Amino acid sequence: MNSAQADAYLRRLGVAHPALPTAEALRELHLAHLRTVPFENLSVHLGEEIVLEEERLVDKLVGARRGGFCYELNGAFGALLTALGFDVDLLAGRVYGDEGRLGIPYDHLALRVRTVDGGEWLADVGFGAHSHYPLKLGERGGQPDPGGTFRIAAAGPDQAGARGGGGQGEAVDLDVVRDGAPQYRLETRPRALGDFASGAWWHSTSPLSHFTRSLVCSRITEDGGRITLSGRKWTVTAPDGTREVRELDSDEEVLAVYRERFGIERATVPAVGVPAGEVPAVGVPAVKAPAAGRGE
């Protein structure tokens, strides 16, 4: 990412260029990203190509003023942080699902960020409802945050009975826990952005993925609450966790929410399912499907 792209990204976030890549600067950037760039999966249902390349991700988030899911949001945010002088590693995670089962490999992308004042942090702007601020990666006690109380712990056995690393010379996997519930298991080995293409493809195409079965567009609000549009269901969550939910009656209302609350301009209302005859692609042009015949 060049300096002009970084400046444009910062303008979208409404944040001044930090003087140094410090922990405080990281906290400001992290919260601004969650407030400004929505977690959304519209591309999955619009037949749009999802390309895990830095230039394309920045074009989408900054140029087109869109959002994305974890691979896109954390991929682009990691590139911005690197351009600002932070030391960033991409980490792979597997999300906990029903009955404590772990998801597919490369299920999630998160960031390990080192700052000049000696901190090492878990930054994640791509997990829907999660921590508002980066988490101390080496801290094993509870970490209070507006999004809940988080804890990072060495991983225990998975469903198959295998432990999360820990052999001699082997990195130990970590469990990220929110309010006592495991959220995802994080590998500590650095990865490249292209390593996540298979996970992005699966989440964009598999009928087992919650991203192909639902629409979501969500972000944190200035007061620490959250707004979420899921199809036509409009949810406003207050900072104390209370919710107001209603169904939007018209296409005009839906499009106005996308435009006014998320900054996304649409001519038509997105619907679950890709356009007829198409499937979204990851890293390659969209292809025709044969005829006939997982956020807040």
Protein backbone atom coordinates (compact mmCIF):
# COMPACT_ATOMS: atom_id res chain seq x y z
CA MET A 1 0.00 0.00 0.00
CA ASN A 2 1.48 3.31 -1.03
CA SER A 3 1.22 6.54 0.98
CA ALA A 4 -1.65 7.94 -1.10
CA GLN A 5 -3.71 4.78 -0.55
CA ALA A 6 -2.93 4.84 3.17
CA ASP A 7 -4.01 8.48 3.39
CA ALA A 8 -7.27 7.70 1.58
CA TYR A 9 -7.92 4.78 3.92
CA LEU A 10 -7.31 7.00 6.95
CA ARG A 11 -9.70 9.61 5.55
CA ARG A 12 -12.39 6.99 5.28
CA LEU A 13 -11.80 6.04 8.91
CA GLY A 14 -11.74 9.69 9.97
CA VAL A 15 -8.39 9.23 11.71
CA ALA A 16 -5.26 11.37 11.42
CA HIS A 17 -2.00 9.77 10.37
CA PRO A 18 -0.43 8.46 13.60
CA ALA A 19 2.97 9.89 14.46
CA LEU A 20 4.20 6.47 15.61
CA PRO A 21 2.84 2.90 15.46
CA THR A 22 1.98 2.75 19.16
CA ALA A 23 -0.58 0.74 21.09
CA GLU A 24 -2.74 3.85 21.55
CA ALA A 25 -2.68 4.52 17.80
CA LEU A 26 -3.69 0.92 17.16
CA ARG A 27 -6.63 1.22 19.57
CA GLU A 28 -7.85 4.36 17.79
CA LEU A 29 -7.56 2.78 14.34
CA HIS A 30 -9.23 -0.46 15.46
CA LEU A 31 -12.29 1.27 16.92
CA ALA A 32 -12.58 3.68 13.99
CA HIS A 33 -12.56 0.76 11.55
CA LEU A 34 -15.36 -1.03 13.41
CA ARG A 35 -17.43 2.16 13.48
CA THR A 36 -16.88 3.02 9.83
CA VAL A 37 -16.40 -0.09 7.69
CA PRO A 38 -19.29 -2.55 7.98
CA PHE A 39 -19.03 -6.28 8.39
CA GLU A 40 -21.09 -7.44 5.40
CA ASN A 41 -21.43 -10.36 3.01
CA LEU A 42 -23.32 -8.72 0.14
CA SER A 43 -20.75 -9.83 -2.43
CA VAL A 44 -21.63 -13.45 -1.75
CA HIS A 45 -25.22 -12.79 -2.87
CA LEU A 46 -24.45 -10.33 -5.67
CA GLY A 47 -22.19 -12.69 -7.59
CA GLU A 48 -19.27 -10.31 -7.04
CA GLU A 49 -15.73 -11.55 -7.33
CA ILE A 50 -13.87 -11.78 -4.01
CA VAL A 51 -10.15 -11.36 -4.66
CA LEU A 52 -7.71 -11.73 -1.78
CA GLU A 53 -5.16 -9.30 -3.12
CA GLU A 54 -4.19 -6.11 -1.29
CA GLU A 55 -4.98 -3.77 -4.18
CA ARG A 56 -8.42 -5.23 -4.77
CA LEU A 57 -9.33 -5.21 -1.07
CA VAL A 58 -8.33 -1.55 -0.69
CA ASP A 59 -10.26 -0.67 -3.85
CA LYS A 60 -13.38 -2.27 -2.38
CA LEU A 61 -13.17 -0.83 1.14
CA VAL A 62 -11.80 2.62 0.27
CA GLY A 63 -12.61 3.25 -3.39
CA ALA A 64 -16.08 1.68 -3.40
CA ARG A 65 -16.70 2.44 0.30
CA ARG A 66 -17.93 -1.06 0.95
CA GLY A 67 -17.32 -3.53 3.77
CA GLY A 68 -16.65 -7.24 3.69
CA PHE A 69 -16.12 -10.33 5.79
CA CYS A 70 -13.04 -11.35 7.79
CA TYR A 71 -10.66 -12.06 4.92
CA GLU A 72 -11.39 -8.72 3.32
CA LEU A 73 -11.64 -6.54 6.44
CA ASN A 74 -8.62 -7.89 8.30
CA GLY A 75 -6.69 -8.34 5.06
CA ALA A 76 -7.08 -4.67 4.17
CA PHE A 77 -6.63 -3.46 7.77
CA GLY A 78 -3.41 -5.47 8.05
CA ALA A 79 -2.11 -3.81 4.90
CA LEU A 80 -2.94 -0.36 6.30
CA LEU A 81 -1.22 -1.12 9.61
CA THR A 82 1.87 -2.36 7.80
CA ALA A 83 1.98 0.83 5.72
CA LEU A 84 1.79 2.84 8.97
CA GLY A 85 4.83 1.04 10.42
CA PHE A 86 3.21 -1.65 12.55
CA ASP A 87 4.64 -5.19 12.47
CA VAL A 88 1.74 -7.37 11.32
CA ASP A 89 1.23 -11.12 10.90
CA LEU A 90 -1.86 -12.73 9.40
CA LEU A 91 -3.14 -15.58 11.57
CA ALA A 92 -5.55 -18.35 10.70
CA GLY A 93 -8.43 -19.31 12.97
CA ARG A 94 -11.19 -21.90 13.16
CA VAL A 95 -14.51 -20.68 14.49
CA TYR A 96 -16.38 -22.60 17.20
CA GLY A 97 -19.79 -23.70 16.02
CA ASP A 98 -22.55 -25.94 17.29
CA GLU A 99 -21.64 -28.27 20.15
CA GLY A 100 -18.18 -26.70 20.37
CA ARG A 101 -17.07 -28.05 17.02
CA LEU A 102 -14.36 -26.20 15.15
CA GLY A 103 -14.90 -24.98 11.62
CA ILE A 104 -12.83 -25.56 8.53
CA PRO A 105 -9.12 -24.69 8.23
CA TYR A 106 -8.64 -21.03 7.31
CA ASP A 107 -12.14 -20.40 8.65
CA HIS A 108 -11.13 -16.95 9.93
CA LEU A 109 -8.37 -14.39 9.45
CA ALA A 110 -7.12 -12.25 12.37
CA LEU A 111 -4.05 -10.10 12.97
CA ARG A 112 -1.09 -10.22 15.35
CA VAL A 113 0.24 -6.68 15.66
CA ARG A 114 3.45 -5.52 17.37
CA THR A 115 3.82 -1.88 18.33
CA VAL A 116 6.92 0.26 18.91
CA ASP A 117 6.14 0.55 22.61
CA GLY A 118 6.60 -3.18 23.08
CA GLY A 119 3.08 -4.52 22.88
CA GLU A 120 1.82 -7.58 21.01
CA TRP A 121 -1.87 -7.49 20.20
CA LEU A 122 -4.67 -9.47 18.63
CA ALA A 123 -6.47 -7.12 16.27
CA ASP A 124 -9.70 -8.30 14.67
CA VAL A 125 -12.07 -5.99 12.78
CA GLY A 126 -13.69 -8.86 10.88
CA PHE A 127 -15.58 -11.06 13.33
CA GLY A 128 -18.92 -9.29 13.54
CA ALA A 129 -19.74 -8.66 17.20
CA HIS A 130 -16.36 -8.90 18.95
CA SER A 131 -13.94 -6.75 20.96
CA HIS A 132 -14.00 -3.03 20.22
CA TYR A 133 -10.29 -2.72 20.98
CA PRO A 134 -7.28 -4.94 20.30
CA LEU A 135 -6.62 -7.65 22.89
CA LYS A 136 -3.28 -8.23 24.64
CA LEU A 137 -2.07 -11.39 23.00
CA GLY A 138 0.14 -12.48 25.91
CA GLU A 139 -2.42 -11.78 28.65
CA ARG A 140 -4.12 -14.88 30.05
CA GLY A 141 -6.54 -13.21 32.43
CA GLY A 142 -9.84 -11.52 31.61
CA GLN A 143 -9.70 -8.43 29.42
CA PRO A 144 -12.74 -6.15 29.89
CA ASP A 145 -13.91 -4.47 26.70
CA PRO A 146 -17.14 -2.71 25.63
CA GLY A 147 -17.88 -5.84 23.60
CA GLY A 148 -17.61 -8.19 26.61
CA THR A 149 -14.94 -9.78 28.77
CA PHE A 150 -12.35 -11.56 26.66
CA ARG A 151 -9.73 -14.11 27.54
CA ILE A 152 -6.98 -15.66 25.45
CA ALA A 153 -5.87 -19.12 26.59
CA ALA A 154 -3.69 -21.95 25.36
CA ALA A 155 -5.96 -24.29 23.39
CA GLY A 156 -7.15 -27.55 24.90
CA PRO A 157 -8.12 -30.73 23.05
CA ASP A 158 -10.39 -30.41 20.04
CA GLN A 159 -13.29 -32.66 19.19
CA ALA A 160 -10.93 -35.31 17.79
CA GLY A 161 -8.88 -35.36 20.99
CA ALA A 162 -5.82 -33.69 19.49
CA ARG A 163 -4.28 -30.85 21.46
CA GLY A 164 -3.69 -27.42 20.00
CA GLY A 165 0.05 -27.60 19.49
CA GLY A 166 2.56 -27.48 22.30
CA GLY A 167 5.19 -29.94 21.08
CA GLN A 168 8.87 -29.04 21.23
CA GLY A 169 9.47 -26.15 18.83
CA GLU A 170 5.78 -26.10 17.96
CA ALA A 171 3.65 -23.00 18.32
CA VAL A 172 0.76 -23.31 20.77
CA ASP A 173 -2.70 -22.59 19.39
CA LEU A 174 -4.84 -20.11 21.30
CA ASP A 175 -8.54 -20.02 22.14
CA VAL A 176 -10.23 -16.61 22.06
CA VAL A 177 -13.08 -16.59 24.60
CA ARG A 178 -15.83 -13.99 25.02
CA ASP A 179 -17.93 -13.91 28.21
CA GLY A 180 -16.93 -17.51 28.91
CA ALA A 181 -17.84 -18.83 25.45
CA PRO A 182 -15.08 -19.87 23.02
CA GLN A 183 -15.22 -17.83 19.81
CA TYR A 184 -12.39 -19.19 17.70
CA ARG A 185 -9.11 -21.12 17.86
CA LEU A 186 -6.13 -19.20 16.56
CA GLU A 187 -2.95 -20.61 15.06
CA THR A 188 0.14 -18.56 15.86
CA ARG A 189 2.06 -19.40 12.70
CA PRO A 190 2.15 -16.44 10.27
CA ARG A 191 0.28 -16.91 7.02
CA ALA A 192 0.10 -15.18 3.65
CA LEU A 193 -3.11 -13.59 2.37
CA GLY A 194 -3.35 -16.09 -0.46
CA ASP A 195 -3.44 -18.97 2.03
CA PHE A 196 -7.02 -17.97 2.90
CA ALA A 197 -8.40 -18.35 -0.64
CA SER A 198 -9.80 -21.82 0.05
CA GLY A 199 -11.61 -20.64 3.18
CA ALA A 200 -13.03 -17.60 1.39
CA TRP A 201 -14.18 -19.79 -1.50
CA TRP A 202 -15.89 -22.25 0.85
CA HIS A 203 -17.67 -19.51 2.78
CA SER A 204 -18.75 -17.87 -0.49
CA THR A 205 -20.11 -20.99 -2.17
CA SER A 206 -20.90 -23.82 0.24
CA PRO A 207 -24.56 -24.33 1.18
CA LEU A 208 -23.22 -25.25 4.65
CA SER A 209 -21.73 -21.79 5.16
CA HIS A 210 -23.87 -19.32 7.11
CA PHE A 211 -22.66 -16.61 4.71
CA THR A 212 -24.47 -18.23 1.78
CA ARG A 213 -27.65 -18.72 3.80
CA SER A 214 -28.10 -15.21 5.17
CA LEU A 215 -27.48 -11.52 4.49
CA VAL A 216 -25.75 -9.33 7.05
CA CYS A 217 -24.50 -5.73 7.21
CA SER A 218 -23.40 -4.55 10.65
CA ARG A 219 -21.21 -2.01 12.43
CA ILE A 220 -20.54 -0.47 15.83
CA THR A 221 -22.18 2.90 16.53
CA GLU A 222 -20.60 5.98 18.06
CA ASP A 223 -22.21 5.29 21.44
CA GLY A 224 -20.83 1.74 21.57
CA GLY A 225 -23.97 0.00 20.40
CA ARG A 226 -24.47 -1.81 17.11
CA ILE A 227 -26.71 -1.60 14.08
CA THR A 228 -27.41 -4.63 11.90
CA LEU A 229 -29.42 -5.14 8.74
CA SER A 230 -30.08 -8.81 8.01
CA GLY A 231 -32.24 -9.09 4.93
CA ARG A 232 -35.15 -6.85 5.92
CA LYS A 233 -34.66 -7.25 9.68
CA TRP A 234 -33.32 -4.02 11.21
CA THR A 235 -31.73 -4.41 14.66
CA VAL A 236 -30.50 -1.57 16.87
CA THR A 237 -28.51 -2.84 19.86
CA ALA A 238 -27.91 -0.36 22.69
CA PRO A 239 -24.63 -0.30 24.65
CA ASP A 240 -26.37 -2.13 27.51
CA GLY A 241 -27.30 -4.98 25.14
CA THR A 242 -31.01 -4.24 24.81
CA ARG A 243 -32.34 -4.56 21.27
CA GLU A 244 -35.02 -3.04 19.11
CA VAL A 245 -35.90 -5.21 16.13
CA ARG A 246 -38.33 -4.48 13.30
CA GLU A 247 -38.99 -5.59 9.77
CA LEU A 248 -38.54 -2.96 7.07
CA ASP A 249 -41.66 -2.80 4.93
CA SER A 250 -40.41 -1.48 1.61
CA ASP A 251 -37.43 -1.71 -0.72
CA GLU A 252 -37.02 2.05 -0.32
CA GLU A 253 -36.56 1.66 3.44
CA VAL A 254 -33.98 -1.09 2.97
CA LEU A 255 -32.00 0.90 0.40
CA ALA A 256 -32.14 4.00 2.62
CA VAL A 257 -30.66 2.05 5.55
CA TYR A 258 -27.85 0.74 3.38
CA ARG A 259 -27.17 4.26 2.12
CA GLU A 260 -27.65 6.35 5.25
CA ARG A 261 -26.43 4.01 7.97
CA PHE A 262 -23.71 2.03 6.14
CA GLY A 263 -22.74 4.30 3.26
CA ILE A 264 -23.52 1.60 0.68
CA GLU A 265 -25.26 2.77 -2.48
CA ARG A 266 -27.54 0.16 -4.03
CA ALA A 267 -30.08 0.39 -6.83
CA THR A 268 -31.78 -2.88 -5.88
CA VAL A 269 -32.27 -4.76 -2.64
CA PRO A 270 -29.85 -7.69 -2.19
CA ALA A 271 -31.47 -11.05 -1.57
CA VAL A 272 -30.14 -14.35 -0.29
CA GLY A 273 -28.71 -16.37 -3.17
CA VAL A 274 -26.43 -15.32 -6.02
CA PRO A 275 -27.83 -14.06 -9.34
CA ALA A 276 -29.31 -16.81 -11.47
CA GLY A 277 -26.71 -19.01 -13.13
CA GLU A 278 -23.71 -17.53 -11.31
CA VAL A 279 -21.55 -18.37 -8.32
CA PRO A 280 -19.13 -15.93 -6.69
CA ALA A 281 -15.46 -16.62 -7.27
CA VAL A 282 -12.39 -16.04 -5.15
CA GLY A 283 -9.29 -14.88 -6.98
CA VAL A 284 -10.55 -15.85 -10.45
CA PRO A 285 -13.28 -14.44 -12.72
CA ALA A 286 -16.82 -15.45 -11.84
CA VAL A 287 -17.89 -18.61 -13.62
CA LYS A 288 -21.23 -19.87 -14.80
CA ALA A 289 -22.88 -22.53 -12.71
CA PRO A 290 -24.42 -25.55 -14.44
CA ALA A 291 -27.98 -25.01 -15.51
CA ALA A 292 -30.73 -26.55 -13.39
CA GLY A 293 -30.64 -28.17 -11.56
CA ARG A 294 -21.85 -18.33 8.58
CA GLY A 295 -21.81 -12.25 12.40
CA GLU A 296 -24.62 -10.48 14.57
